[in-house]
Each structure stands twice: as C-alpha cells, then as structure tokens.
Amino acid sequence: MAGKVYCKWCGSSYSSISGLTNGSCSKSSTKRHEVFEGEEQSKYFCEYCGSSYSSISSLTNGSCSKSPTKRHQPYAGSIKVKYVCKHCGNSYSSISSLTSGSCSKSPTKRHQPAR
C-alpha cells in the first residue's frame, strides 16, 4: 500500500497497516486503531454531518451531534458531483446537504452517504 495509512477514529497516520493496528487508540470504543478505508484527499468530510476538514486528525478531533458516537466519522468515499443516500436513493450536491435532511427509510432517520 502506497502512502500513509490513517486511523478512522483519531486520524493518526502510519507508514504501514501493521504499524497502525499495533498501536492503541483513545478515541475508539475498542481502544484499537482501525484503518480508514478511504484515499488520501485534500478535504475530509464527516459521514454524519458533512463538515469538511483539511486532515483526518482535524476532523476526528471535533464532536458531531449527528453521529451515534458523538464524534465526526470520516466519509471513506471519494469526492463526488452528487451524493446519494444509501437508504432511500435521493441525491444531493454535497454531503452536508444530504446529511441535513431526514430519511424515513434509514434506521437512524438520517440520510447517510453511499460509498
């Protein structure tokens, strides 16, 4: 794997997956780092509220009222022209537009972006 590997909970970066998974994470419920499956980008978005940050660590340091864990969670998909709700299929021009609405088909009653 080329480039850096990031923890999806705290944003710490490592040069290898084994380096990441061998460490402990204070922000994870399991206390273990978990690999962020997305690619390195110029902006990182919260999957639940759509806020954008220049780094994963900046994103994961903030709190999110829409997330079940009350922490921003990085959206692992790529930046797109349209974002589609994985529960109802409605599309929006930004993640923040998508996550600001309610979804009757979602178990959390919130739109969530499809990857």
N, C-alpha and C. Protein backbone atom coordinates (compact mmCIF):
# COMPACT_ATOMS: atom_id res chain seq x y z
N MET A 1 0.85 -1.18 0.00
CA MET A 1 0.00 0.00 0.00
C MET A 1 0.89 1.24 0.00
N ALA A 2 0.69 2.13 -0.94
CA ALA A 2 1.49 3.34 -1.05
C ALA A 2 0.90 4.43 -0.16
N GLY A 3 1.76 5.35 0.27
CA GLY A 3 1.29 6.47 1.06
C GLY A 3 1.08 6.12 2.51
N LYS A 4 0.35 6.98 3.18
CA LYS A 4 0.10 6.81 4.60
C LYS A 4 -1.19 6.04 4.85
N VAL A 5 -1.27 5.43 6.03
CA VAL A 5 -2.46 4.72 6.49
C VAL A 5 -2.97 5.49 7.70
N TYR A 6 -4.28 5.78 7.73
CA TYR A 6 -4.85 6.59 8.80
C TYR A 6 -5.83 5.78 9.66
N CYS A 7 -5.93 6.18 10.94
CA CYS A 7 -6.93 5.61 11.84
C CYS A 7 -8.23 6.36 11.63
N LYS A 8 -9.33 5.63 11.47
CA LYS A 8 -10.61 6.29 11.23
C LYS A 8 -11.19 6.92 12.49
N TRP A 9 -10.64 6.63 13.65
CA TRP A 9 -11.16 7.18 14.90
C TRP A 9 -10.39 8.42 15.35
N CYS A 10 -9.06 8.40 15.24
CA CYS A 10 -8.28 9.52 15.75
C CYS A 10 -7.50 10.26 14.68
N GLY A 11 -7.37 9.69 13.49
CA GLY A 11 -6.66 10.35 12.41
C GLY A 11 -5.16 10.19 12.42
N SER A 12 -4.63 9.42 13.36
CA SER A 12 -3.18 9.19 13.39
C SER A 12 -2.75 8.54 12.09
N SER A 13 -1.56 8.90 11.62
CA SER A 13 -1.07 8.32 10.36
C SER A 13 0.15 7.44 10.62
N TYR A 14 0.25 6.40 9.82
CA TYR A 14 1.35 5.44 9.91
C TYR A 14 1.79 5.09 8.50
N SER A 15 3.00 4.57 8.38
CA SER A 15 3.50 4.18 7.06
C SER A 15 3.05 2.80 6.65
N SER A 16 2.49 2.02 7.59
CA SER A 16 2.01 0.68 7.26
C SER A 16 0.78 0.32 8.09
N ILE A 17 0.01 -0.62 7.58
CA ILE A 17 -1.18 -1.09 8.31
C ILE A 17 -0.77 -1.74 9.62
N SER A 18 0.30 -2.52 9.61
CA SER A 18 0.73 -3.19 10.85
C SER A 18 1.15 -2.17 11.90
N GLY A 19 1.79 -1.08 11.48
CA GLY A 19 2.14 -0.03 12.43
C GLY A 19 0.91 0.57 13.08
N LEU A 20 -0.13 0.80 12.28
CA LEU A 20 -1.37 1.36 12.79
C LEU A 20 -2.08 0.38 13.72
N THR A 21 -2.24 -0.85 13.30
CA THR A 21 -3.02 -1.81 14.08
C THR A 21 -2.30 -2.27 15.34
N ASN A 22 -1.01 -2.06 15.43
CA ASN A 22 -0.27 -2.44 16.65
C ASN A 22 -0.40 -1.40 17.74
N GLY A 23 -0.86 -0.20 17.41
CA GLY A 23 -0.99 0.86 18.40
C GLY A 23 -2.35 0.88 19.06
N SER A 24 -2.47 1.66 20.13
CA SER A 24 -3.77 1.80 20.80
C SER A 24 -4.36 3.17 20.47
N CYS A 25 -5.69 3.27 20.52
CA CYS A 25 -6.40 4.48 20.15
C CYS A 25 -7.35 4.88 21.27
N SER A 26 -7.18 6.07 21.79
CA SER A 26 -8.02 6.54 22.90
C SER A 26 -9.43 6.92 22.46
N LYS A 27 -9.65 7.13 21.17
CA LYS A 27 -10.97 7.57 20.68
C LYS A 27 -11.86 6.41 20.21
N SER A 28 -11.30 5.23 20.11
CA SER A 28 -12.06 4.06 19.65
C SER A 28 -12.68 3.34 20.84
N SER A 29 -13.88 2.82 20.66
CA SER A 29 -14.53 2.08 21.75
C SER A 29 -13.79 0.78 22.06
N THR A 30 -13.06 0.26 21.08
CA THR A 30 -12.28 -0.97 21.30
C THR A 30 -10.86 -0.67 21.77
N LYS A 31 -10.50 0.63 21.80
CA LYS A 31 -9.17 1.09 22.19
C LYS A 31 -8.09 0.67 21.20
N ARG A 32 -8.49 0.30 19.99
CA ARG A 32 -7.55 -0.09 18.93
C ARG A 32 -7.76 0.82 17.73
N HIS A 33 -6.67 1.14 17.04
CA HIS A 33 -6.79 1.89 15.79
C HIS A 33 -7.52 1.02 14.77
N GLU A 34 -8.27 1.67 13.90
CA GLU A 34 -8.96 0.97 12.82
C GLU A 34 -8.64 1.70 11.52
N VAL A 35 -8.35 0.98 10.48
CA VAL A 35 -7.91 1.57 9.21
C VAL A 35 -9.03 2.37 8.56
N PHE A 36 -8.71 3.60 8.17
CA PHE A 36 -9.60 4.43 7.36
C PHE A 36 -9.49 3.90 5.94
N GLU A 37 -10.60 3.45 5.37
CA GLU A 37 -10.60 2.78 4.07
C GLU A 37 -10.56 3.74 2.89
N GLY A 38 -10.73 5.02 3.13
CA GLY A 38 -10.73 5.99 2.03
C GLY A 38 -9.32 6.32 1.56
N GLU A 39 -9.27 7.11 0.52
CA GLU A 39 -7.98 7.51 -0.04
C GLU A 39 -7.57 8.87 0.51
N GLU A 40 -6.27 9.16 0.44
CA GLU A 40 -5.76 10.45 0.86
C GLU A 40 -6.36 11.53 -0.04
N GLN A 41 -6.90 12.60 0.57
CA GLN A 41 -7.59 13.64 -0.17
C GLN A 41 -7.19 15.02 0.34
N SER A 42 -7.61 16.05 -0.38
CA SER A 42 -7.34 17.42 0.05
C SER A 42 -8.36 17.87 1.10
N LYS A 43 -9.54 17.25 1.11
CA LYS A 43 -10.57 17.54 2.12
C LYS A 43 -11.15 16.23 2.62
N TYR A 44 -11.50 16.22 3.90
CA TYR A 44 -12.13 15.05 4.52
C TYR A 44 -13.46 15.49 5.09
N PHE A 45 -14.50 14.70 4.84
CA PHE A 45 -15.85 15.03 5.26
C PHE A 45 -16.34 14.08 6.34
N CYS A 46 -17.18 14.61 7.24
CA CYS A 46 -17.83 13.77 8.25
C CYS A 46 -19.00 13.05 7.57
N GLU A 47 -19.09 11.75 7.78
CA GLU A 47 -20.15 10.95 7.19
C GLU A 47 -21.53 11.33 7.72
N TYR A 48 -21.59 11.89 8.92
CA TYR A 48 -22.87 12.18 9.54
C TYR A 48 -23.36 13.61 9.37
N CYS A 49 -22.46 14.60 9.38
CA CYS A 49 -22.92 15.99 9.28
C CYS A 49 -22.40 16.70 8.04
N GLY A 50 -21.41 16.13 7.35
CA GLY A 50 -20.90 16.73 6.14
C GLY A 50 -19.86 17.81 6.32
N SER A 51 -19.47 18.12 7.56
CA SER A 51 -18.43 19.12 7.79
C SER A 51 -17.15 18.68 7.09
N SER A 52 -16.38 19.65 6.58
CA SER A 52 -15.13 19.30 5.89
C SER A 52 -13.92 19.85 6.64
N TYR A 53 -12.83 19.11 6.57
CA TYR A 53 -11.58 19.47 7.23
C TYR A 53 -10.42 19.14 6.30
N SER A 54 -9.29 19.77 6.54
CA SER A 54 -8.12 19.56 5.68
C SER A 54 -7.34 18.29 6.04
N SER A 55 -7.62 17.69 7.20
CA SER A 55 -6.95 16.45 7.59
C SER A 55 -7.90 15.56 8.39
N ILE A 56 -7.62 14.28 8.40
CA ILE A 56 -8.45 13.36 9.18
C ILE A 56 -8.34 13.67 10.66
N SER A 57 -7.15 14.00 11.13
CA SER A 57 -7.00 14.28 12.56
C SER A 57 -7.80 15.52 12.97
N SER A 58 -7.87 16.54 12.12
CA SER A 58 -8.70 17.71 12.43
C SER A 58 -10.17 17.32 12.50
N LEU A 59 -10.61 16.48 11.57
CA LEU A 59 -11.99 16.02 11.54
C LEU A 59 -12.33 15.21 12.80
N THR A 60 -11.50 14.24 13.13
CA THR A 60 -11.81 13.35 14.25
C THR A 60 -11.64 14.01 15.61
N ASN A 61 -11.00 15.17 15.68
CA ASN A 61 -10.85 15.87 16.96
C ASN A 61 -12.12 16.61 17.37
N GLY A 62 -13.03 16.83 16.42
CA GLY A 62 -14.25 17.57 16.72
C GLY A 62 -15.41 16.67 17.11
N SER A 63 -16.41 17.26 17.76
CA SER A 63 -17.60 16.50 18.13
C SER A 63 -18.68 16.71 17.07
N CYS A 64 -19.57 15.73 16.94
CA CYS A 64 -20.63 15.77 15.92
C CYS A 64 -21.95 15.37 16.57
N SER A 65 -22.90 16.27 16.56
CA SER A 65 -24.20 16.00 17.19
C SER A 65 -25.01 14.96 16.44
N LYS A 66 -24.70 14.72 15.15
CA LYS A 66 -25.47 13.77 14.35
C LYS A 66 -24.92 12.35 14.37
N SER A 67 -23.72 12.19 14.88
CA SER A 67 -23.08 10.87 14.92
C SER A 67 -23.51 10.09 16.15
N PRO A 68 -23.74 8.78 16.02
CA PRO A 68 -24.11 7.98 17.21
C PRO A 68 -23.00 7.95 18.26
N THR A 69 -21.74 8.14 17.83
CA THR A 69 -20.62 8.15 18.78
C THR A 69 -20.31 9.55 19.29
N LYS A 70 -21.03 10.56 18.74
CA LYS A 70 -20.84 11.98 19.07
C LYS A 70 -19.49 12.51 18.61
N ARG A 71 -18.80 11.79 17.73
CA ARG A 71 -17.54 12.21 17.13
C ARG A 71 -17.71 12.22 15.62
N HIS A 72 -17.04 13.14 14.94
CA HIS A 72 -17.05 13.11 13.48
C HIS A 72 -16.44 11.79 13.01
N GLN A 73 -17.04 11.19 12.01
CA GLN A 73 -16.53 9.97 11.40
C GLN A 73 -16.17 10.28 9.95
N PRO A 74 -14.97 9.94 9.51
CA PRO A 74 -14.61 10.28 8.13
C PRO A 74 -15.40 9.48 7.10
N TYR A 75 -15.86 10.18 6.07
CA TYR A 75 -16.52 9.56 4.93
C TYR A 75 -15.44 8.93 4.08
N ALA A 76 -15.52 7.62 3.85
CA ALA A 76 -14.46 6.90 3.15
C ALA A 76 -14.62 6.94 1.63
N GLY A 77 -15.71 7.45 1.13
CA GLY A 77 -15.90 7.55 -0.31
C GLY A 77 -15.11 8.71 -0.89
N SER A 78 -15.11 8.80 -2.18
CA SER A 78 -14.39 9.88 -2.85
C SER A 78 -15.29 11.10 -3.00
N ILE A 79 -14.68 12.24 -3.27
CA ILE A 79 -15.44 13.47 -3.53
C ILE A 79 -16.19 13.28 -4.85
N LYS A 80 -17.48 13.61 -4.84
CA LYS A 80 -18.34 13.35 -6.00
C LYS A 80 -19.11 14.60 -6.41
N VAL A 81 -19.71 14.54 -7.58
CA VAL A 81 -20.59 15.61 -8.05
C VAL A 81 -21.93 15.50 -7.34
N LYS A 82 -22.40 14.25 -7.12
CA LYS A 82 -23.66 14.00 -6.41
C LYS A 82 -23.43 12.94 -5.34
N TYR A 83 -24.10 13.13 -4.20
CA TYR A 83 -24.04 12.18 -3.09
C TYR A 83 -25.41 11.56 -2.94
N VAL A 84 -25.46 10.24 -2.86
CA VAL A 84 -26.71 9.50 -2.82
C VAL A 84 -26.89 8.88 -1.44
N CYS A 85 -28.10 8.95 -0.91
CA CYS A 85 -28.41 8.30 0.37
C CYS A 85 -28.46 6.79 0.15
N LYS A 86 -27.75 6.05 1.00
CA LYS A 86 -27.71 4.60 0.83
C LYS A 86 -29.00 3.92 1.24
N HIS A 87 -29.92 4.64 1.87
CA HIS A 87 -31.18 4.05 2.31
C HIS A 87 -32.34 4.33 1.35
N CYS A 88 -32.43 5.57 0.86
CA CYS A 88 -33.59 5.92 0.03
C CYS A 88 -33.24 6.25 -1.42
N GLY A 89 -31.96 6.50 -1.71
CA GLY A 89 -31.54 6.78 -3.08
C GLY A 89 -31.64 8.23 -3.50
N ASN A 90 -32.12 9.13 -2.64
CA ASN A 90 -32.17 10.55 -3.00
C ASN A 90 -30.75 11.07 -3.18
N SER A 91 -30.56 12.02 -4.13
CA SER A 91 -29.22 12.54 -4.37
C SER A 91 -29.13 14.02 -4.05
N TYR A 92 -27.94 14.45 -3.65
CA TYR A 92 -27.68 15.82 -3.23
C TYR A 92 -26.33 16.27 -3.79
N SER A 93 -26.12 17.57 -3.87
CA SER A 93 -24.89 18.11 -4.44
C SER A 93 -23.72 18.13 -3.45
N SER A 94 -23.99 17.95 -2.14
CA SER A 94 -22.92 17.93 -1.15
C SER A 94 -23.30 16.97 -0.01
N ILE A 95 -22.30 16.53 0.72
CA ILE A 95 -22.57 15.65 1.87
C ILE A 95 -23.37 16.41 2.92
N SER A 96 -23.05 17.69 3.13
CA SER A 96 -23.78 18.44 4.15
C SER A 96 -25.25 18.60 3.78
N SER A 97 -25.56 18.77 2.49
CA SER A 97 -26.97 18.83 2.07
C SER A 97 -27.66 17.49 2.33
N LEU A 98 -26.97 16.41 2.01
CA LEU A 98 -27.53 15.08 2.21
C LEU A 98 -27.79 14.81 3.69
N THR A 99 -26.81 15.07 4.54
CA THR A 99 -26.93 14.73 5.96
C THR A 99 -27.83 15.68 6.74
N SER A 100 -28.19 16.83 6.16
CA SER A 100 -29.05 17.77 6.89
C SER A 100 -30.52 17.35 6.87
N GLY A 101 -30.89 16.47 5.96
CA GLY A 101 -32.29 16.05 5.86
C GLY A 101 -32.58 14.76 6.60
N SER A 102 -33.87 14.50 6.81
CA SER A 102 -34.27 13.25 7.45
C SER A 102 -34.66 12.23 6.39
N CYS A 103 -34.51 10.94 6.74
CA CYS A 103 -34.79 9.86 5.80
C CYS A 103 -35.69 8.83 6.47
N SER A 104 -36.88 8.65 5.93
CA SER A 104 -37.84 7.72 6.52
C SER A 104 -37.41 6.26 6.40
N LYS A 105 -36.50 5.95 5.48
CA LYS A 105 -36.07 4.56 5.27
C LYS A 105 -34.82 4.18 6.06
N SER A 106 -34.18 5.13 6.70
CA SER A 106 -32.96 4.88 7.47
C SER A 106 -33.30 4.48 8.90
N PRO A 107 -32.57 3.52 9.47
CA PRO A 107 -32.82 3.15 10.87
C PRO A 107 -32.53 4.29 11.85
N THR A 108 -31.63 5.21 11.45
CA THR A 108 -31.31 6.35 12.30
C THR A 108 -32.16 7.58 11.98
N LYS A 109 -33.02 7.45 10.92
CA LYS A 109 -33.89 8.53 10.44
C LYS A 109 -33.10 9.68 9.83
N ARG A 110 -31.83 9.47 9.49
CA ARG A 110 -30.97 10.46 8.84
C ARG A 110 -30.45 9.88 7.54
N HIS A 111 -30.31 10.71 6.50
CA HIS A 111 -29.66 10.26 5.28
C HIS A 111 -28.21 9.90 5.59
N GLN A 112 -27.70 8.88 4.95
CA GLN A 112 -26.30 8.51 5.07
C GLN A 112 -25.74 8.29 3.67
N PRO A 113 -24.52 8.81 3.40
CA PRO A 113 -23.98 8.70 2.05
C PRO A 113 -23.60 7.27 1.68
N ALA A 114 -23.96 6.90 0.44
CA ALA A 114 -23.49 5.62 -0.11
C ALA A 114 -22.04 5.81 -0.50
N ARG A 115 -21.26 4.78 -0.47
CA ARG A 115 -19.85 4.88 -0.83
C ARG A 115 -19.77 5.02 -2.32
